[in-house]
């Protein structure tokens, strides 16, 4: 599990901060202060790539629709296949909320 390499006081504080956010507006405000626009867009792009990969979309379609590089798509696919299932459970939760 790669996350073990990241564990620490600072990361715990970050995750506690994220868990403390109450709604979408607080998320926008916090992430706007925390990250650059490009960093936020990159995170959102990776999540969208994961969603599209789960739906069986081709690399070409994902690249065209998201602007993600094939390297990013490959990295996300590797996480989907061999990661900690983070994309899977988050996408499932988000999808269930939208229904």
Foldseek 3Di string as FASTA:
>chain_A
DVCVVVDDDVVVVVVVVVVPDDDPVSVVVVCVVVDPPVVVLLVVLLLVLLVCVVVVDDPVVSCVVRVDDVVSSVVSVCCCVPNDCPSVVVVVVVVVVVD
